[in-house]
Amino acid sequence: EERKSSPMKQSDKIYKVFSRPKITMNDMLRVGEVKAYVEEN
């Protein structure tokens, strides 16, 4: 919504969402599982 990208209606793979225009790594790091993966590894 912040990035003015159409909302998701159901769960989807992170890769597909990340592929959208204007969506950055900083945006993805707000997703709990992504942030946890980065910290764990």
PDB file of all heavy atoms in Angstrom:
ATOM      1  N   GLU A   1       0.838  -1.199   0.000  1.00  0.00           N
ATOM      2  CA  GLU A   1       0.000   0.000   0.000  1.00  0.00           C
ATOM      3  C   GLU A   1       0.880   1.259   0.000  1.00  0.00           C
ATOM      4  O   GLU A   1       0.625   2.219  -0.735  1.00  0.00           O
ATOM      5  CB  GLU A   1      -0.906  -0.013   1.238  1.00  0.00           C
ATOM      6  CG  GLU A   1      -1.945   1.092   1.236  1.00  0.00           C
ATOM      7  CD  GLU A   1      -2.862   1.007   2.452  1.00  0.00           C
ATOM      8  OE1 GLU A   1      -3.133  -0.121   2.924  1.00  0.00           O
ATOM      9  OE2 GLU A   1      -3.269   2.071   2.940  1.00  0.00           O
ATOM     10  N   GLU A   2       1.927   1.244   0.821  1.00  0.00           N
ATOM     11  CA  GLU A   2       2.861   2.382   0.870  1.00  0.00           C
ATOM     12  C   GLU A   2       3.507   2.626  -0.496  1.00  0.00           C
ATOM     13  O   GLU A   2       3.755   3.757  -0.896  1.00  0.00           O
ATOM     14  CB  GLU A   2       3.968   2.122   1.904  1.00  0.00           C
ATOM     15  CG  GLU A   2       3.541   2.374   3.327  1.00  0.00           C
ATOM     16  CD  GLU A   2       4.678   2.109   4.298  1.00  0.00           C
ATOM     17  OE1 GLU A   2       5.859   2.312   3.899  1.00  0.00           O
ATOM     18  OE2 GLU A   2       4.408   1.688   5.434  1.00  0.00           O
ATOM     19  N   ARG A   3       3.810   1.530  -1.204  1.00  0.00           N
ATOM     20  CA  ARG A   3       4.490   1.624  -2.493  1.00  0.00           C
ATOM     21  C   ARG A   3       3.502   1.771  -3.660  1.00  0.00           C
ATOM     22  O   ARG A   3       3.897   1.742  -4.827  1.00  0.00           O
ATOM     23  CB  ARG A   3       5.342   0.366  -2.736  1.00  0.00           C
ATOM     24  CG  ARG A   3       6.484   0.215  -1.768  1.00  0.00           C
ATOM     25  CD  ARG A   3       7.481   1.330  -1.910  1.00  0.00           C
ATOM     26  NE  ARG A   3       8.602   1.216  -0.983  1.00  0.00           N
ATOM     27  CZ  ARG A   3       9.474   2.165  -0.758  1.00  0.00           C
ATOM     28  NH1 ARG A   3       9.319   3.334  -1.361  1.00  0.00           N
ATOM     29  NH2 ARG A   3      10.462   1.997   0.081  1.00  0.00           N
ATOM     30  N   LYS A   4       2.197   1.903  -3.316  1.00  0.00           N
ATOM     31  CA  LYS A   4       1.141   2.062  -4.329  1.00  0.00           C
ATOM     32  C   LYS A   4       1.147   0.903  -5.326  1.00  0.00           C
ATOM     33  O   LYS A   4       1.009   1.079  -6.531  1.00  0.00           O
ATOM     34  CB  LYS A   4       1.291   3.399  -5.058  1.00  0.00           C
ATOM     35  CG  LYS A   4       1.103   4.589  -4.111  1.00  0.00           C
ATOM     36  CD  LYS A   4       1.196   5.910  -4.810  1.00  0.00           C
ATOM     37  CE  LYS A   4       0.973   7.043  -3.810  1.00  0.00           C
ATOM     38  NZ  LYS A   4       1.165   8.370  -4.375  1.00  0.00           N
ATOM     39  N   SER A   5       1.335  -0.302  -4.748  1.00  0.00           N
ATOM     40  CA  SER A   5       1.288  -1.529  -5.547  1.00  0.00           C
ATOM     41  C   SER A   5       0.028  -2.286  -5.139  1.00  0.00           C
ATOM     42  O   SER A   5      -0.386  -2.245  -3.977  1.00  0.00           O
ATOM     43  CB  SER A   5       2.532  -2.380  -5.264  1.00  0.00           C
ATOM     44  OG  SER A   5       2.583  -3.508  -6.099  1.00  0.00           O
ATOM     45  N   SER A   6      -0.621  -2.954  -6.074  1.00  0.00           N
ATOM     46  CA  SER A   6      -1.909  -3.607  -5.791  1.00  0.00           C
ATOM     47  C   SER A   6      -1.763  -4.642  -4.669  1.00  0.00           C
ATOM     48  O   SER A   6      -0.769  -5.364  -4.607  1.00  0.00           O
ATOM     49  CB  SER A   6      -2.463  -4.279  -7.048  1.00  0.00           C
ATOM     50  OG  SER A   6      -1.518  -5.170  -7.589  1.00  0.00           O
ATOM     51  N   PRO A   7      -2.753  -4.709  -3.771  1.00  0.00           N
ATOM     52  CA  PRO A   7      -2.644  -5.611  -2.615  1.00  0.00           C
ATOM     53  C   PRO A   7      -2.752  -7.085  -3.015  1.00  0.00           C
ATOM     54  O   PRO A   7      -3.291  -7.427  -4.067  1.00  0.00           O
ATOM     55  CB  PRO A   7      -3.837  -5.196  -1.747  1.00  0.00           C
ATOM     56  CG  PRO A   7      -4.806  -4.594  -2.709  1.00  0.00           C
ATOM     57  CD  PRO A   7      -3.989  -3.928  -3.768  1.00  0.00           C
ATOM     58  N   MET A   8      -2.207  -7.939  -2.151  1.00  0.00           N
ATOM     59  CA  MET A   8      -2.309  -9.390  -2.358  1.00  0.00           C
ATOM     60  C   MET A   8      -3.669  -9.866  -1.848  1.00  0.00           C
ATOM     61  O   MET A   8      -4.186  -9.342  -0.861  1.00  0.00           O
ATOM     62  CB  MET A   8      -1.201 -10.106  -1.577  1.00  0.00           C
ATOM     63  CG  MET A   8       0.203  -9.781  -2.037  1.00  0.00           C
ATOM     64  SD  MET A   8       1.448 -10.451  -0.881  1.00  0.00           S
ATOM     65  CE  MET A   8       1.089 -12.212  -0.947  1.00  0.00           C
ATOM     66  N   LYS A   9      -4.240 -10.871  -2.531  1.00  0.00           N
ATOM     67  CA  LYS A   9      -5.522 -11.431  -2.108  1.00  0.00           C
ATOM     68  C   LYS A   9      -5.348 -12.771  -1.419  1.00  0.00           C
ATOM     69  O   LYS A   9      -6.227 -13.236  -0.705  1.00  0.00           O
ATOM     70  CB  LYS A   9      -6.444 -11.563  -3.311  1.00  0.00           C
ATOM     71  CG  LYS A   9      -6.836 -10.201  -3.895  1.00  0.00           C
ATOM     72  CD  LYS A   9      -7.731 -10.339  -5.093  1.00  0.00           C
ATOM     73  CE  LYS A   9      -8.093  -8.953  -5.655  1.00  0.00           C
ATOM     74  NZ  LYS A   9      -8.876  -9.041  -6.906  1.00  0.00           N
ATOM     75  N   GLN A  10      -4.176 -13.391  -1.640  1.00  0.00           N
ATOM     76  CA  GLN A  10      -3.882 -14.679  -1.004  1.00  0.00           C
ATOM     77  C   GLN A  10      -2.368 -14.821  -0.866  1.00  0.00           C
ATOM     78  O   GLN A  10      -1.626 -14.050  -1.451  1.00  0.00           O
ATOM     79  CB  GLN A  10      -4.441 -15.840  -1.834  1.00  0.00           C
ATOM     80  CG  GLN A  10      -3.895 -15.869  -3.257  1.00  0.00           C
ATOM     81  CD  GLN A  10      -4.603 -16.914  -4.108  1.00  0.00           C
ATOM     82  OE1 GLN A  10      -5.808 -17.105  -3.980  1.00  0.00           O
ATOM     83  NE2 GLN A  10      -3.848 -17.581  -4.957  1.00  0.00           N
ATOM     84  N   SER A  11      -1.965 -15.777  -0.086  1.00  0.00           N
ATOM     85  CA  SER A  11      -0.534 -16.010   0.114  1.00  0.00           C
ATOM     86  C   SER A  11       0.155 -16.278  -1.226  1.00  0.00           C
ATOM     87  O   SER A  11      -0.438 -16.888  -2.124  1.00  0.00           O
ATOM     88  CB  SER A  11      -0.298 -17.203   1.049  1.00  0.00           C
ATOM     89  OG  SER A  11      -0.702 -16.889   2.352  1.00  0.00           O
ATOM     90  N   ASP A  12       1.399 -15.834  -1.330  1.00  0.00           N
ATOM     91  CA  ASP A  12       2.161 -16.052  -2.563  1.00  0.00           C
ATOM     92  C   ASP A  12       3.645 -16.133  -2.218  1.00  0.00           C
ATOM     93  O   ASP A  12       4.077 -15.732  -1.134  1.00  0.00           O
ATOM     94  CB  ASP A  12       1.918 -14.905  -3.549  1.00  0.00           C
ATOM     95  CG  ASP A  12       2.031 -15.369  -5.000  1.00  0.00           C
ATOM     96  OD1 ASP A  12       2.656 -16.422  -5.229  1.00  0.00           O
ATOM     97  OD2 ASP A  12       1.506 -14.664  -5.886  1.00  0.00           O
ATOM     98  N   LYS A  13       4.430 -16.654  -3.143  1.00  0.00           N
ATOM     99  CA  LYS A  13       5.864 -16.772  -2.922  1.00  0.00           C
ATOM    100  C   LYS A  13       6.489 -15.377  -2.813  1.00  0.00           C
ATOM    101  O   LYS A  13       6.139 -14.453  -3.557  1.00  0.00           O
ATOM    102  CB  LYS A  13       6.534 -17.541  -4.053  1.00  0.00           C
ATOM    103  CG  LYS A  13       6.030 -18.967  -4.239  1.00  0.00           C
ATOM    104  CD  LYS A  13       6.351 -19.835  -3.017  1.00  0.00           C
ATOM    105  CE  LYS A  13       5.904 -21.282  -3.243  1.00  0.00           C
ATOM    106  NZ  LYS A  13       6.003 -22.087  -2.008  1.00  0.00           N
ATOM    107  N   ILE A  14       7.436 -15.233  -1.896  1.00  0.00           N
ATOM    108  CA  ILE A  14       8.110 -13.952  -1.695  1.00  0.00           C
ATOM    109  C   ILE A  14       8.772 -13.494  -2.988  1.00  0.00           C
ATOM    110  O   ILE A  14       8.767 -12.301  -3.315  1.00  0.00           O
ATOM    111  CB  ILE A  14       9.152 -14.055  -0.559  1.00  0.00           C
ATOM    112  CG1 ILE A  14       8.453 -14.351   0.768  1.00  0.00           C
ATOM    113  CG2 ILE A  14       9.985 -12.782  -0.460  1.00  0.00           C
ATOM    114  CD1 ILE A  14       9.400 -14.566   1.937  1.00  0.00           C
ATOM    115  N   TYR A  15       9.333 -14.445  -3.756  1.00  0.00           N
ATOM    116  CA  TYR A  15      10.048 -14.113  -5.004  1.00  0.00           C
ATOM    117  C   TYR A  15       9.134 -13.327  -5.953  1.00  0.00           C
ATOM    118  O   TYR A  15       9.540 -12.324  -6.544  1.00  0.00           O
ATOM    119  CB  TYR A  15      10.519 -15.402  -5.682  1.00  0.00           C
ATOM    120  CG  TYR A  15      11.406 -15.184  -6.895  1.00  0.00           C
ATOM    121  CD1 TYR A  15      12.784 -15.180  -6.781  1.00  0.00           C
ATOM    122  CD2 TYR A  15      10.850 -14.996  -8.158  1.00  0.00           C
ATOM    123  CE1 TYR A  15      13.604 -14.990  -7.885  1.00  0.00           C
ATOM    124  CE2 TYR A  15      11.654 -14.788  -9.281  1.00  0.00           C
ATOM    125  CZ  TYR A  15      13.026 -14.792  -9.133  1.00  0.00           C
ATOM    126  OH  TYR A  15      13.827 -14.595 -10.233  1.00  0.00           O
ATOM    127  N   LYS A  16       7.886 -13.777  -6.056  1.00  0.00           N
ATOM    128  CA  LYS A  16       6.939 -13.153  -6.978  1.00  0.00           C
ATOM    129  C   LYS A  16       6.599 -11.730  -6.535  1.00  0.00           C
ATOM    130  O   LYS A  16       6.527 -10.806  -7.350  1.00  0.00           O
ATOM    131  CB  LYS A  16       5.672 -13.999  -7.078  1.00  0.00           C
ATOM    132  CG  LYS A  16       4.713 -13.540  -8.165  1.00  0.00           C
ATOM    133  CD  LYS A  16       3.548 -14.508  -8.304  1.00  0.00           C
ATOM    134  CE  LYS A  16       2.547 -14.018  -9.339  1.00  0.00           C
ATOM    135  NZ  LYS A  16       1.371 -14.938  -9.416  1.00  0.00           N
ATOM    136  N   VAL A  17       6.422 -11.553  -5.227  1.00  0.00           N
ATOM    137  CA  VAL A  17       6.097 -10.225  -4.699  1.00  0.00           C
ATOM    138  C   VAL A  17       7.307  -9.295  -4.841  1.00  0.00           C
ATOM    139  O   VAL A  17       7.186  -8.139  -5.235  1.00  0.00           O
ATOM    140  CB  VAL A  17       5.670 -10.309  -3.218  1.00  0.00           C
ATOM    141  CG1 VAL A  17       5.271  -8.923  -2.701  1.00  0.00           C
ATOM    142  CG2 VAL A  17       4.520 -11.285  -3.046  1.00  0.00           C
ATOM    143  N   PHE A  18       8.476  -9.826  -4.546  1.00  0.00           N
ATOM    144  CA  PHE A  18       9.718  -9.053  -4.617  1.00  0.00           C
ATOM    145  C   PHE A  18      10.000  -8.601  -6.058  1.00  0.00           C
ATOM    146  O   PHE A  18      10.620  -7.557  -6.291  1.00  0.00           O
ATOM    147  CB  PHE A  18      10.868  -9.913  -4.087  1.00  0.00           C
ATOM    148  CG  PHE A  18      12.137  -9.153  -3.772  1.00  0.00           C
ATOM    149  CD1 PHE A  18      12.185  -7.765  -3.748  1.00  0.00           C
ATOM    150  CD2 PHE A  18      13.302  -9.849  -3.473  1.00  0.00           C
ATOM    151  CE1 PHE A  18      13.352  -7.083  -3.447  1.00  0.00           C
ATOM    152  CE2 PHE A  18      14.479  -9.176  -3.179  1.00  0.00           C
ATOM    153  CZ  PHE A  18      14.508  -7.784  -3.168  1.00  0.00           C
ATOM    154  N   SER A  19       9.528  -9.368  -7.032  1.00  0.00           N
ATOM    155  CA  SER A  19       9.767  -9.040  -8.443  1.00  0.00           C
ATOM    156  C   SER A  19       8.988  -7.816  -8.905  1.00  0.00           C
ATOM    157  O   SER A  19       9.264  -7.270  -9.973  1.00  0.00           O
ATOM    158  CB  SER A  19       9.377 -10.233  -9.330  1.00  0.00           C
ATOM    159  OG  SER A  19      10.138 -11.371  -9.007  1.00  0.00           O
ATOM    160  N   ARG A  20       8.033  -7.363  -8.117  1.00  0.00           N
ATOM    161  CA  ARG A  20       7.221  -6.216  -8.524  1.00  0.00           C
ATOM    162  C   ARG A  20       8.061  -4.939  -8.603  1.00  0.00           C
ATOM    163  O   ARG A  20       9.006  -4.758  -7.820  1.00  0.00           O
ATOM    164  CB  ARG A  20       6.088  -5.991  -7.525  1.00  0.00           C
ATOM    165  CG  ARG A  20       5.016  -7.057  -7.512  1.00  0.00           C
ATOM    166  CD  ARG A  20       3.871  -6.560  -6.655  1.00  0.00           C
ATOM    167  NE  ARG A  20       2.836  -7.565  -6.438  1.00  0.00           N
ATOM    168  CZ  ARG A  20       1.646  -7.297  -5.912  1.00  0.00           C
ATOM    169  NH1 ARG A  20       1.366  -6.044  -5.544  1.00  0.00           N
ATOM    170  NH2 ARG A  20       0.746  -8.250  -5.743  1.00  0.00           N
ATOM    171  N   PRO A  21       7.694  -4.031  -9.497  1.00  0.00           N
ATOM    172  CA  PRO A  21       8.383  -2.729  -9.551  1.00  0.00           C
ATOM    173  C   PRO A  21       8.234  -1.977  -8.230  1.00  0.00           C
ATOM    174  O   PRO A  21       7.221  -2.130  -7.531  1.00  0.00           O
ATOM    175  CB  PRO A  21       7.662  -1.979 -10.679  1.00  0.00           C
ATOM    176  CG  PRO A  21       6.985  -3.043 -11.483  1.00  0.00           C
ATOM    177  CD  PRO A  21       6.652  -4.156 -10.535  1.00  0.00           C
ATOM    178  N   LYS A  22       9.232  -1.187  -7.890  1.00  0.00           N
ATOM    179  CA  LYS A  22       9.249  -0.299  -6.711  1.00  0.00           C
ATOM    180  C   LYS A  22       9.420  -1.033  -5.379  1.00  0.00           C
ATOM    181  O   LYS A  22       9.585  -0.401  -4.343  1.00  0.00           O
ATOM    182  CB  LYS A  22       7.980   0.568  -6.641  1.00  0.00           C
ATOM    183  CG  LYS A  22       7.809   1.493  -7.834  1.00  0.00           C
ATOM    184  CD  LYS A  22       6.540   2.313  -7.672  1.00  0.00           C
ATOM    185  CE  LYS A  22       6.316   3.221  -8.895  1.00  0.00           C
ATOM    186  NZ  LYS A  22       5.069   3.975  -8.779  1.00  0.00           N
ATOM    187  N   ILE A  23       9.364  -2.368  -5.374  1.00  0.00           N
ATOM    188  CA  ILE A  23       9.556  -3.111  -4.131  1.00  0.00           C
ATOM    189  C   ILE A  23      11.052  -3.380  -3.958  1.00  0.00           C
ATOM    190  O   ILE A  23      11.686  -3.965  -4.836  1.00  0.00           O
ATOM    191  CB  ILE A  23       8.771  -4.434  -4.130  1.00  0.00           C
ATOM    192  CG1 ILE A  23       7.290  -4.182  -4.417  1.00  0.00           C
ATOM    193  CG2 ILE A  23       8.961  -5.158  -2.801  1.00  0.00           C
ATOM    194  CD1 ILE A  23       6.605  -3.269  -3.440  1.00  0.00           C
ATOM    195  N   THR A  24      11.614  -2.937  -2.832  1.00  0.00           N
ATOM    196  CA  THR A  24      13.059  -3.016  -2.612  1.00  0.00           C
ATOM    197  C   THR A  24      13.403  -4.035  -1.522  1.00  0.00           C
ATOM    198  O   THR A  24      12.520  -4.538  -0.812  1.00  0.00           O
ATOM    199  CB  THR A  24      13.612  -1.651  -2.197  1.00  0.00           C
ATOM    200  OG1 THR A  24      13.086  -1.334  -0.898  1.00  0.00           O
ATOM    201  CG2 THR A  24      13.218  -0.561  -3.197  1.00  0.00           C
ATOM    202  N   MET A  25      14.703  -4.289  -1.372  1.00  0.00           N
ATOM    203  CA  MET A  25      15.155  -5.185  -0.312  1.00  0.00           C
ATOM    204  C   MET A  25      14.784  -4.620   1.061  1.00  0.00           C
ATOM    205  O   MET A  25      14.401  -5.376   1.959  1.00  0.00           O
ATOM    206  CB  MET A  25      16.670  -5.398  -0.404  1.00  0.00           C
ATOM    207  CG  MET A  25      17.238  -6.309   0.670  1.00  0.00           C
ATOM    208  SD  MET A  25      16.608  -8.026   0.575  1.00  0.00           S
ATOM    209  CE  MET A  25      17.605  -8.666  -0.768  1.00  0.00           C
ATOM    210  N   ASN A  26      14.868  -3.311   1.211  1.00  0.00           N
ATOM    211  CA  ASN A  26      14.482  -2.708   2.494  1.00  0.00           C
ATOM    212  C   ASN A  26      13.016  -2.987   2.815  1.00  0.00           C
ATOM    213  O   ASN A  26      12.645  -3.185   3.974  1.00  0.00           O
ATOM    214  CB  ASN A  26      14.735  -1.200   2.470  1.00  0.00           C
ATOM    215  CG  ASN A  26      16.212  -0.876   2.588  1.00  0.00           C
ATOM    216  OD1 ASN A  26      16.973  -1.673   3.122  1.00  0.00           O
ATOM    217  ND2 ASN A  26      16.610   0.284   2.097  1.00  0.00           N
ATOM    218  N   ASP A  27      12.169  -3.014   1.771  1.00  0.00           N
ATOM    219  CA  ASP A  27      10.751  -3.359   1.983  1.00  0.00           C
ATOM    220  C   ASP A  27      10.627  -4.806   2.441  1.00  0.00           C
ATOM    221  O   ASP A  27       9.868  -5.121   3.359  1.00  0.00           O
ATOM    222  CB  ASP A  27       9.958  -3.165   0.686  1.00  0.00           C
ATOM    223  CG  ASP A  27       9.877  -1.711   0.255  1.00  0.00           C
ATOM    224  OD1 ASP A  27       9.824  -0.834   1.137  1.00  0.00           O
ATOM    225  OD2 ASP A  27       9.882  -1.456  -0.967  1.00  0.00           O
ATOM    226  N   MET A  28      11.385  -5.685   1.796  1.00  0.00           N
ATOM    227  CA  MET A  28      11.293  -7.111   2.120  1.00  0.00           C
ATOM    228  C   MET A  28      11.810  -7.409   3.526  1.00  0.00           C
ATOM    229  O   MET A  28      11.359  -8.355   4.178  1.00  0.00           O
ATOM    230  CB  MET A  28      12.067  -7.946   1.098  1.00  0.00           C
ATOM    231  CG  MET A  28      11.587  -7.804  -0.348  1.00  0.00           C
ATOM    232  SD  MET A  28       9.775  -7.899  -0.549  1.00  0.00           S
ATOM    233  CE  MET A  28       9.415  -9.530   0.070  1.00  0.00           C
ATOM    234  N   LEU A  29      12.751  -6.583   3.993  1.00  0.00           N
ATOM    235  CA  LEU A  29      13.291  -6.814   5.342  1.00  0.00           C
ATOM    236  C   LEU A  29      12.262  -6.499   6.433  1.00  0.00           C
ATOM    237  O   LEU A  29      12.485  -6.795   7.609  1.00  0.00           O
ATOM    238  CB  LEU A  29      14.553  -5.962   5.548  1.00  0.00           C
ATOM    239  CG  LEU A  29      15.796  -6.431   4.767  1.00  0.00           C
ATOM    240  CD1 LEU A  29      16.933  -5.429   4.910  1.00  0.00           C
ATOM    241  CD2 LEU A  29      16.240  -7.819   5.232  1.00  0.00           C
ATOM    242  N   ARG A  30      11.139  -5.905   6.059  1.00  0.00           N
ATOM    243  CA  ARG A  30      10.052  -5.682   7.019  1.00  0.00           C
ATOM    244  C   ARG A  30       9.200  -6.934   7.193  1.00  0.00           C
ATOM    245  O   ARG A  30       8.346  -6.999   8.091  1.00  0.00           O
ATOM    246  CB  ARG A  30       9.195  -4.505   6.554  1.00  0.00           C
ATOM    247  CG  ARG A  30       9.948  -3.173   6.647  1.00  0.00           C
ATOM    248  CD  ARG A  30       9.264  -2.060   5.880  1.00  0.00           C
ATOM    249  NE  ARG A  30       7.926  -1.756   6.379  1.00  0.00           N
ATOM    250  CZ  ARG A  30       7.126  -0.845   5.839  1.00  0.00           C
ATOM    251  NH1 ARG A  30       7.549  -0.150   4.774  1.00  0.00           N
ATOM    252  NH2 ARG A  30       5.926  -0.622   6.335  1.00  0.00           N
ATOM    253  N   VAL A  31       9.417  -7.928   6.321  1.00  0.00           N
ATOM    254  CA  VAL A  31       8.723  -9.218   6.450  1.00  0.00           C
ATOM    255  C   VAL A  31       9.484 -10.057   7.466  1.00  0.00           C
ATOM    256  O   VAL A  31      10.707 -10.238   7.354  1.00  0.00           O
ATOM    257  CB  VAL A  31       8.669  -9.941   5.084  1.00  0.00           C
ATOM    258  CG1 VAL A  31       8.067 -11.334   5.248  1.00  0.00           C
ATOM    259  CG2 VAL A  31       7.888  -9.106   4.079  1.00  0.00           C
ATOM    260  N   GLY A  32       8.790 -10.532   8.476  1.00  0.00           N
ATOM    261  CA  GLY A  32       9.421 -11.242   9.586  1.00  0.00           C
ATOM    262  C   GLY A  32      10.365 -12.356   9.169  1.00  0.00           C
ATOM    263  O   GLY A  32      11.501 -12.445   9.658  1.00  0.00           O
ATOM    264  N   GLU A  33       9.902 -13.235   8.255  1.00  0.00           N
ATOM    265  CA  GLU A  33      10.723 -14.385   7.875  1.00  0.00           C
ATOM    266  C   GLU A  33      11.986 -13.970   7.122  1.00  0.00           C
ATOM    267  O   GLU A  33      13.031 -14.590   7.272  1.00  0.00           O
ATOM    268  CB  GLU A  33       9.887 -15.340   7.009  1.00  0.00           C
ATOM    269  CG  GLU A  33       8.877 -16.136   7.807  1.00  0.00           C
ATOM    270  CD  GLU A  33       8.122 -17.129   6.935  1.00  0.00           C
ATOM    271  OE1 GLU A  33       7.168 -16.683   6.273  1.00  0.00           O
ATOM    272  OE2 GLU A  33       8.500 -18.306   6.907  1.00  0.00           O
ATOM    273  N   VAL A  34      11.867 -12.902   6.301  1.00  0.00           N
ATOM    274  CA  VAL A  34      13.035 -12.429   5.558  1.00  0.00           C
ATOM    275  C   VAL A  34      14.068 -11.851   6.521  1.00  0.00           C
ATOM    276  O   VAL A  34      15.266 -12.161   6.451  1.00  0.00           O
ATOM    277  CB  VAL A  34      12.635 -11.360   4.509  1.00  0.00           C
ATOM    278  CG1 VAL A  34      13.874 -10.811   3.810  1.00  0.00           C
ATOM    279  CG2 VAL A  34      11.666 -11.952   3.489  1.00  0.00           C
ATOM    280  N   LYS A  35      13.596 -11.019   7.446  1.00  0.00           N
ATOM    281  CA  LYS A  35      14.496 -10.415   8.427  1.00  0.00           C
ATOM    282  C   LYS A  35      15.183 -11.494   9.261  1.00  0.00           C
ATOM    283  O   LYS A  35      16.399 -11.424   9.525  1.00  0.00           O
ATOM    284  CB  LYS A  35      13.702  -9.470   9.329  1.00  0.00           C
ATOM    285  CG  LYS A  35      14.583  -8.686  10.296  1.00  0.00           C
ATOM    286  CD  LYS A  35      13.748  -7.733  11.144  1.00  0.00           C
ATOM    287  CE  LYS A  35      14.657  -6.964  12.107  1.00  0.00           C
ATOM    288  NZ  LYS A  35      13.867  -6.066  12.987  1.00  0.00           N
ATOM    289  N   ALA A  36      14.417 -12.515   9.662  1.00  0.00           N
ATOM    290  CA  ALA A  36      14.979 -13.601  10.469  1.00  0.00           C
ATOM    291  C   ALA A  36      16.042 -14.368   9.675  1.00  0.00           C
ATOM    292  O   ALA A  36      17.093 -14.728  10.218  1.00  0.00           O
ATOM    293  CB  ALA A  36      13.862 -14.551  10.916  1.00  0.00           C
ATOM    294  N   TYR A  37      15.765 -14.612   8.385  1.00  0.00           N
ATOM    295  CA  TYR A  37      16.725 -15.352   7.550  1.00  0.00           C
ATOM    296  C   TYR A  37      18.041 -14.587   7.441  1.00  0.00           C
ATOM    297  O   TYR A  37      19.134 -15.163   7.559  1.00  0.00           O
ATOM    298  CB  TYR A  37      16.145 -15.584   6.144  1.00  0.00           C
ATOM    299  CG  TYR A  37      17.034 -16.412   5.241  1.00  0.00           C
ATOM    300  CD1 TYR A  37      16.880 -17.789   5.155  1.00  0.00           C
ATOM    301  CD2 TYR A  37      18.048 -15.813   4.491  1.00  0.00           C
ATOM    302  CE1 TYR A  37      17.708 -18.551   4.334  1.00  0.00           C
ATOM    303  CE2 TYR A  37      18.883 -16.551   3.675  1.00  0.00           C
ATOM    304  CZ  TYR A  37      18.708 -17.928   3.605  1.00  0.00           C
ATOM    305  OH  TYR A  37      19.541 -18.689   2.803  1.00  0.00           O
ATOM    306  N   VAL A  38      17.940 -13.285   7.218  1.00  0.00           N
ATOM    307  CA  VAL A  38      19.145 -12.442   7.082  1.00  0.00           C
ATOM    308  C   VAL A  38      19.965 -12.477   8.362  1.00  0.00           C
ATOM    309  O   VAL A  38      21.199 -12.626   8.322  1.00  0.00           O
ATOM    310  CB  VAL A  38      18.754 -10.988   6.717  1.00  0.00           C
ATOM    311  CG1 VAL A  38      19.947 -10.048   6.843  1.00  0.00           C
ATOM    312  CG2 VAL A  38      18.196 -10.929   5.299  1.00  0.00           C
ATOM    313  N   GLU A  39      19.285 -12.363   9.508  1.00  0.00           N
ATOM    314  CA  GLU A  39      19.996 -12.351  10.791  1.00  0.00           C
ATOM    315  C   GLU A  39      20.598 -13.710  11.116  1.00  0.00           C
ATOM    316  O   GLU A  39      21.748 -13.801  11.565  1.00  0.00           O
ATOM    317  CB  GLU A  39      19.043 -11.903  11.904  1.00  0.00           C
ATOM    318  CG  GLU A  39      18.665 -10.422  11.791  1.00  0.00           C
ATOM    319  CD  GLU A  39      17.595 -10.008  12.781  1.00  0.00           C
ATOM    320  OE1 GLU A  39      17.050 -10.902  13.469  1.00  0.00           O
ATOM    321  OE2 GLU A  39      17.285  -8.794  12.865  1.00  0.00           O
ATOM    322  N   GLU A  40      19.847 -14.784  10.875  1.00  0.00           N
ATOM    323  CA  GLU A  40      20.341 -16.133  11.175  1.00  0.00           C
ATOM    324  C   GLU A  40      21.554 -16.500  10.329  1.00  0.00           C
ATOM    325  O   GLU A  40      22.471 -17.185  10.794  1.00  0.00           O
ATOM    326  CB  GLU A  40      19.225 -17.172  10.925  1.00  0.00           C
ATOM    327  CG  GLU A  40      18.146 -17.185  11.995  1.00  0.00           C
ATOM    328  CD  GLU A  40      16.927 -17.989  11.558  1.00  0.00           C
ATOM    329  OE1 GLU A  40      17.053 -18.781  10.588  1.00  0.00           O
ATOM    330  OE2 GLU A  40      15.860 -17.816  12.167  1.00  0.00           O
ATOM    331  N   ASN A  41      21.555 -16.038   9.069  1.00  0.00           N
ATOM    332  CA  ASN A  41      22.651 -16.398   8.157  1.00  0.00           C
ATOM    333  C   ASN A  41      23.725 -15.316   8.063  1.00  0.00           C
ATOM    334  O   ASN A  41      24.657 -15.443   7.265  1.00  0.00           O
ATOM    335  CB  ASN A  41      22.083 -16.697   6.772  1.00  0.00           C
ATOM    336  CG  ASN A  41      21.265 -17.965   6.746  1.00  0.00           C
ATOM    337  OD1 ASN A  41      21.792 -19.065   6.650  1.00  0.00           O
ATOM    338  ND2 ASN A  41      19.945 -17.811   6.870  1.00  0.00           N
TER     339      ASN A  41
END
